[in-house]
Protein backbone atom coordinates (compact mmCIF):
# COMPACT_ATOMS: atom_id res chain seq x y z
CA MET A 1 -91.86 25.98 66.06
CA ARG A 2 -89.72 28.58 64.45
CA GLY A 3 -87.92 27.76 61.25
CA GLN A 4 -88.16 24.25 59.90
CA ILE A 5 -87.22 20.68 60.76
CA TYR A 6 -86.23 18.78 57.63
CA ILE A 7 -86.43 15.00 58.03
CA GLY A 8 -84.96 12.64 55.45
CA CYS A 9 -82.63 9.71 54.76
CA THR A 10 -79.21 9.00 53.36
CA GLY A 11 -79.60 8.44 49.61
CA TRP A 12 -82.81 7.54 47.85
CA GLY A 13 -82.08 4.16 46.29
CA ASP A 14 -82.24 1.85 49.32
CA HIS A 15 -85.69 2.60 50.70
CA ASP A 16 -87.85 -0.09 49.11
CA SER A 17 -90.88 0.76 51.26
CA LEU A 18 -91.24 4.05 49.36
CA TYR A 19 -91.44 2.49 45.92
CA GLU A 20 -94.34 0.48 44.58
CA GLY A 21 -94.69 -1.40 41.34
CA GLY A 22 -90.98 -1.59 40.56
CA THR A 23 -90.07 2.09 40.37
CA PRO A 24 -87.05 2.32 38.03
CA PRO A 25 -83.87 3.74 39.59
CA SER A 26 -84.04 6.79 37.32
CA GLN A 27 -87.36 7.82 38.93
CA LYS A 28 -86.62 7.04 42.58
CA LEU A 29 -85.44 10.51 43.58
CA SER A 30 -88.64 12.05 42.23
CA VAL A 31 -90.73 9.57 44.22
CA TYR A 32 -88.54 9.99 47.31
CA ALA A 33 -89.19 13.75 47.13
CA SER A 34 -92.92 13.07 47.44
CA HIS A 35 -92.25 11.69 50.94
CA PHE A 36 -89.42 13.82 52.36
CA PRO A 37 -88.16 17.42 51.95
CA SER A 38 -84.45 16.61 52.14
CA VAL A 39 -81.87 13.93 51.45
CA GLU A 40 -78.23 13.29 52.18
CA LEU A 41 -76.40 12.95 48.87
CA ASP A 42 -73.71 10.34 49.50
CA ALA A 43 -72.86 9.63 45.85
CA SER A 44 -70.71 12.79 45.98
CA PHE A 45 -68.45 11.05 48.51
CA TYR A 46 -67.42 8.43 45.95
CA ALA A 47 -67.15 10.68 42.89
CA VAL A 48 -67.54 14.36 42.14
CA PRO A 49 -70.95 14.62 40.39
CA SER A 50 -71.12 15.71 36.78
CA GLU A 51 -72.97 18.81 35.60
CA GLN A 52 -75.59 16.54 34.03
CA GLN A 53 -76.18 14.63 37.27
CA ILE A 54 -76.60 17.78 39.31
CA ALA A 55 -79.00 19.23 36.73
CA LYS A 56 -81.08 16.03 36.81
CA TRP A 57 -81.32 16.02 40.60
CA ILE A 58 -82.33 19.68 40.64
CA ARG A 59 -84.94 19.04 37.97
CA GLU A 60 -86.47 16.03 39.73
CA THR A 61 -87.02 17.72 43.09
CA PRO A 62 -89.48 20.46 44.08
CA GLU A 63 -88.43 24.03 44.76
CA THR A 64 -88.46 23.55 48.55
CA PHE A 65 -86.28 20.41 48.49
CA ARG A 66 -82.83 20.56 50.13
CA PHE A 67 -79.68 18.45 49.68
CA VAL A 68 -77.11 17.70 52.36
CA VAL A 69 -74.11 16.93 50.15
CA LYS A 70 -71.36 14.70 51.49
CA ALA A 71 -67.86 15.98 50.73
CA TYR A 72 -65.73 14.01 48.28
CA GLN A 73 -63.54 11.35 49.93
CA GLY A 74 -60.34 12.90 48.61
CA MET A 75 -61.01 15.98 50.73
CA THR A 76 -61.62 14.13 54.00
CA GLY A 77 -58.76 11.63 53.98
CA HIS A 78 -60.87 8.55 53.28
CA MET A 79 -59.45 7.87 49.82
CA ARG A 80 -57.32 4.80 49.40
CA GLY A 81 -55.19 4.66 46.30
CA GLU A 82 -54.46 7.32 43.73
CA ASN A 83 -56.44 10.54 43.59
CA PRO A 84 -57.90 10.96 40.06
CA PHE A 85 -57.30 14.71 40.13
CA PRO A 86 -53.93 16.17 39.11
CA SER A 87 -53.74 18.31 42.26
CA LYS A 88 -55.60 19.15 45.44
CA ILE A 89 -56.52 22.53 43.99
CA ALA A 90 -58.06 20.84 40.93
CA MET A 91 -60.01 18.51 43.22
CA TYR A 92 -61.42 21.34 45.34
CA ASP A 93 -62.23 23.41 42.25
CA ALA A 94 -64.06 20.50 40.58
CA PHE A 95 -66.20 19.90 43.66
CA ASP A 96 -66.92 23.60 43.93
CA GLN A 97 -67.92 23.81 40.27
CA ALA A 98 -70.21 20.78 40.63
CA LEU A 99 -72.11 22.29 43.56
CA LYS A 100 -72.53 25.78 42.15
CA PRO A 101 -75.81 25.10 40.24
CA MET A 102 -77.35 23.51 43.34
CA GLN A 103 -76.27 26.49 45.42
CA ASP A 104 -77.59 28.92 42.82
CA GLN A 105 -80.98 27.16 42.83
CA GLY A 106 -81.21 27.39 46.63
CA LYS A 107 -81.26 23.62 47.04
CA LEU A 108 -77.93 23.13 48.78
CA ALA A 109 -78.52 22.98 52.53
CA MET A 110 -74.89 22.28 53.42
CA VAL A 111 -71.79 20.31 52.57
CA LEU A 112 -70.99 17.61 55.12
CA PHE A 113 -67.34 16.99 55.91
CA GLN A 114 -67.32 13.68 57.76
CA PHE A 115 -63.78 12.81 58.78
CA PRO A 116 -62.61 9.20 59.21
CA PRO A 117 -62.16 7.26 62.47
CA TRP A 118 -58.40 7.83 62.42
CA PHE A 119 -58.79 11.63 62.19
CA ASP A 120 -57.98 12.41 65.81
CA VAL A 121 -57.51 15.72 67.57
CA LYS A 122 -54.13 17.23 66.69
CA LYS A 123 -52.80 20.57 65.40
CA GLU A 124 -52.41 19.49 61.77
CA HIS A 125 -56.02 18.30 61.68
CA VAL A 126 -57.25 21.55 63.22
CA SER A 127 -55.28 23.44 60.54
CA LEU A 128 -56.87 21.30 57.81
CA ILE A 129 -60.34 22.06 59.13
CA LYS A 130 -59.61 25.80 59.19
CA GLY A 131 -58.21 25.63 55.66
CA ILE A 132 -61.32 23.92 54.32
CA ARG A 133 -63.54 26.51 55.99
CA GLU A 134 -61.54 29.29 54.38
CA ARG A 135 -61.54 27.57 50.98
CA TYR A 136 -65.31 27.04 51.01
CA HIS A 137 -66.32 30.24 52.79
CA HIS A 138 -69.28 30.65 50.41
CA TYR A 139 -71.01 27.42 51.53
CA ASP A 140 -72.68 26.28 54.71
CA LEU A 141 -70.41 23.48 55.94
CA ALA A 142 -71.17 20.75 58.47
CA LEU A 143 -68.46 19.02 60.48
CA GLU A 144 -68.62 15.44 61.77
CA PHE A 145 -65.97 13.50 63.61
CA ARG A 146 -65.63 9.76 64.09
CA HIS A 147 -62.75 9.78 66.59
CA ARG A 148 -63.79 10.19 70.21
CA SER A 149 -60.76 12.34 71.14
CA TRP A 150 -62.51 15.48 69.84
CA PHE A 151 -65.14 15.17 72.56
CA GLU A 152 -63.08 13.86 75.45
CA PRO A 153 -63.12 16.22 78.50
CA PRO A 154 -59.87 18.08 77.67
CA TYR A 155 -61.05 18.99 74.16
CA ARG A 156 -64.87 18.96 74.07
CA ASP A 157 -65.33 22.68 74.70
CA LYS A 158 -62.43 23.56 72.38
CA THR A 159 -63.95 21.45 69.59
CA LEU A 160 -67.31 23.20 69.93
CA ALA A 161 -65.53 26.59 70.05
CA LEU A 162 -63.65 25.69 66.86
CA MET A 163 -66.97 25.05 65.11
CA LYS A 164 -68.59 28.20 66.45
CA GLU A 165 -65.67 30.44 65.53
CA GLY A 166 -65.46 28.99 62.03
CA GLY A 167 -69.20 29.01 61.40
CA TRP A 168 -69.24 25.21 61.10
CA ILE A 169 -72.59 23.48 61.42
CA HIS A 170 -72.38 20.77 64.07
CA SER A 171 -73.24 17.32 62.74
CA ILE A 172 -74.66 15.78 65.90
CA CYS A 173 -74.48 11.99 65.78
CA ASP A 174 -76.55 9.28 67.35
CA GLU A 175 -74.39 6.17 67.02
CA PRO A 176 -73.20 3.14 69.00
CA GLN A 177 -70.83 3.88 71.84
CA ALA A 178 -68.16 1.44 70.75
CA GLY A 179 -64.78 2.82 71.71
CA GLU A 180 -62.52 5.51 70.31
CA LYS A 181 -63.97 5.20 66.78
CA SER A 182 -67.36 6.46 67.87
CA ILE A 183 -68.43 9.79 69.33
CA PRO A 184 -71.01 10.68 71.99
CA PHE A 185 -74.30 12.41 71.33
CA VAL A 186 -73.52 16.09 71.93
CA PRO A 187 -76.78 18.10 71.52
CA VAL A 188 -75.17 21.51 71.04
CA ALA A 189 -75.87 23.74 68.05
CA THR A 190 -72.82 25.69 66.91
CA THR A 191 -74.75 28.07 64.63
CA GLY A 192 -78.16 29.60 65.17
CA HIS A 193 -78.83 29.12 61.48
CA ARG A 194 -78.64 25.36 60.82
CA THR A 195 -77.84 22.14 62.64
CA LEU A 196 -77.50 18.61 61.30
CA ILE A 197 -78.48 15.46 63.21
CA ARG A 198 -77.38 12.14 61.72
CA LEU A 199 -78.87 8.95 63.09
CA HIS A 200 -76.59 5.98 62.43
CA GLY A 201 -78.42 3.45 64.60
CA ARG A 202 -77.15 1.79 67.77
CA ASN A 203 -75.70 -1.49 66.53
CA VAL A 204 -72.82 -1.70 68.99
CA ALA A 205 -71.71 -5.16 67.87
CA GLY A 206 -71.56 -4.12 64.21
CA TRP A 207 -69.96 -0.67 64.50
CA ASN A 208 -66.36 -1.83 64.42
CA TYR A 209 -67.00 -4.68 61.99
CA PRO A 210 -63.85 -5.38 59.90
CA ALA A 211 -63.92 -3.75 56.45
CA LYS A 212 -64.61 -6.37 53.76
CA GLY A 213 -65.93 -4.83 50.57
CA ASP A 214 -69.39 -3.38 51.24
CA GLU A 215 -70.22 -6.01 53.85
CA TRP A 216 -69.15 -3.75 56.74
CA ARG A 217 -71.73 -1.15 55.73
CA ASP A 218 -74.52 -3.74 55.71
CA VAL A 219 -73.61 -4.74 59.25
CA ARG A 220 -72.77 -1.35 60.75
CA TYR A 221 -76.02 0.40 59.87
CA LEU A 222 -78.38 -2.50 60.55
CA TYR A 223 -80.71 -1.06 63.16
CA ASP A 224 -84.38 -0.29 63.70
CA TYR A 225 -85.11 2.50 66.20
CA SER A 226 -87.79 1.53 68.70
CA GLU A 227 -90.86 3.64 69.43
CA GLU A 228 -89.40 4.67 72.76
CA GLU A 229 -86.07 5.62 71.17
CA LEU A 230 -87.82 7.71 68.52
CA LYS A 231 -89.87 9.52 71.17
CA THR A 232 -86.67 10.35 73.07
CA LEU A 233 -85.00 11.51 69.85
CA ALA A 234 -88.02 13.72 69.13
CA LYS A 235 -87.41 15.50 72.44
CA ASP A 236 -83.74 15.92 71.50
CA VAL A 237 -84.68 17.34 68.10
CA LYS A 238 -87.00 19.87 69.74
CA ALA A 239 -84.31 20.93 72.19
CA ILE A 240 -81.79 21.40 69.39
CA HIS A 241 -84.37 23.26 67.31
CA ALA A 242 -84.68 25.73 70.16
CA GLN A 243 -81.00 26.53 69.55
CA SER A 244 -81.03 26.55 65.74
CA SER A 245 -83.60 27.85 63.27
CA GLU A 246 -83.28 24.96 60.80
CA VAL A 247 -82.59 21.38 61.85
CA TYR A 248 -81.85 18.63 59.35
CA VAL A 249 -82.47 15.10 60.65
CA ILE A 250 -80.99 12.35 58.49
CA PHE A 251 -81.58 8.65 59.11
CA ASN A 252 -78.54 6.65 58.03
CA ASN A 253 -79.70 3.23 59.31
CA ASN A 254 -80.29 1.99 55.78
CA SER A 255 -78.96 -1.57 55.88
CA GLY A 256 -82.22 -3.31 56.76
CA GLY A 257 -84.56 -0.83 55.12
CA HIS A 258 -85.51 0.82 58.42
CA ALA A 259 -84.48 4.41 57.69
CA ALA A 260 -87.57 5.56 55.77
CA ALA A 261 -90.05 4.03 58.22
CA ASN A 262 -88.16 5.51 61.19
CA ALA A 263 -88.07 8.91 59.48
CA LYS A 264 -91.81 8.85 58.82
CA ARG A 265 -92.56 7.85 62.38
CA LEU A 266 -90.37 10.62 63.80
CA LYS A 267 -92.24 13.07 61.60
CA GLU A 268 -95.54 11.82 63.04
CA ILE A 269 -94.29 12.03 66.63
CA LEU A 270 -93.17 15.63 66.03
CA GLY A 271 -96.49 16.44 64.34
CA ILE A 272 -94.79 17.77 61.21
CA THR A 273 -96.44 18.10 57.81
CA TYR A 274 -94.63 19.32 54.71
CA ASP A 275 -95.99 21.51 51.94
CA GLY A 276 -94.45 21.63 48.49
CA LEU A 277 -93.40 17.99 48.13
CA ASN A 278 -93.59 16.23 44.78
CA PRO A 279 -97.05 14.80 43.97
CA ALA A 280 -97.50 11.32 45.46
CA GLN A 281 -97.45 8.26 43.23
CA LEU A 282 -100.86 7.39 41.81
CA LYS A 283 -102.01 4.01 43.10
CA LEU A 284 -103.84 2.29 40.25
CA PHE A 285 -104.39 -1.09 41.90
């Protein structure tokens, strides 16, 4: 294979199967990085990381490790309530400043802009996407939709053309097909450089679960990919890798603790081994 396939999970705190002997939260990223070469940083969605946090994450991961950083919720329209920043410019500048050290160290794979289920295809939303691409021209950016209208027959080709023309990395999703608030699996790379594949599980019944605190997240992403499903996904990953030099595969089915095991099994099916990971935990007993 040319290039590299980076397999990982969303976050590093929820994968109990990776941690033995009560690994403290402060050490989990370091241990996680002994298993996988990449991670999706979702903490950045809820708050712009501090300089100290970024420095710690850089320090705890090996040189070859890569972060897929989720864009702050105030930039994607998810935020409910008052924005803590005095202006949109201040918000974008703060996020930019936070990511700069990670970019400088070569550990930033991309910034993921995942738009909400109500972000449908319309001119003002296309303009917003173009504005973000212009604002963050110095980063690799990935684009993910949650509203099906972007991939309906009248707009599918235009959506892919929008990504290609803007240099957007396509975040290809495997998720339940549960109406307009879910998108189909579209295995098309929009850059020859990098592609992102996010695996959300296939819990159709739970996908549109009503939002009640964090309970919806526990239901929505409760899924364990079967052996047959993982073998089919492996074929999809190979086909996409033929279109794009680097492919990042992120398992987001964290609710039941299945993501890490699924990620490891996909790695085995693809016959991938990684050099340069953190040293494995020493098993004393």
